[in-house]
């Protein structure tokens, strides 16, 4: 994402991840936007696999359900695109939560 939409992307520290679940598998989210996520490289998403049902599990245990497809692998990460976008209201709520949590950090 670039331009004015870039501020809707959230990058997570390793100690404060959200989780993406695929069946019984759970993957730490490193980067979240309304259109997808970046997780550690995983065989759950590879080129040629069909779309899969996933859930984003937020810190308050709420979930957002969507279907996701493989986009690409980088050196150590897998990029996944959502077929149903994450609502902007959820991204803004998550940004507020993180600002409160890390308000003492400059």
Foldseek 3Di string as FASTA:
>chain_A
DDDPQVVLKDADDPVDFWWKDFPNDIFTFGMDHQWWTKTWDDPVADPPDDWGWMWTQDPVRDIDIFTWHWDDDDPTITIITTPHTDDSVVSVVVVVVVCVVPVVPD
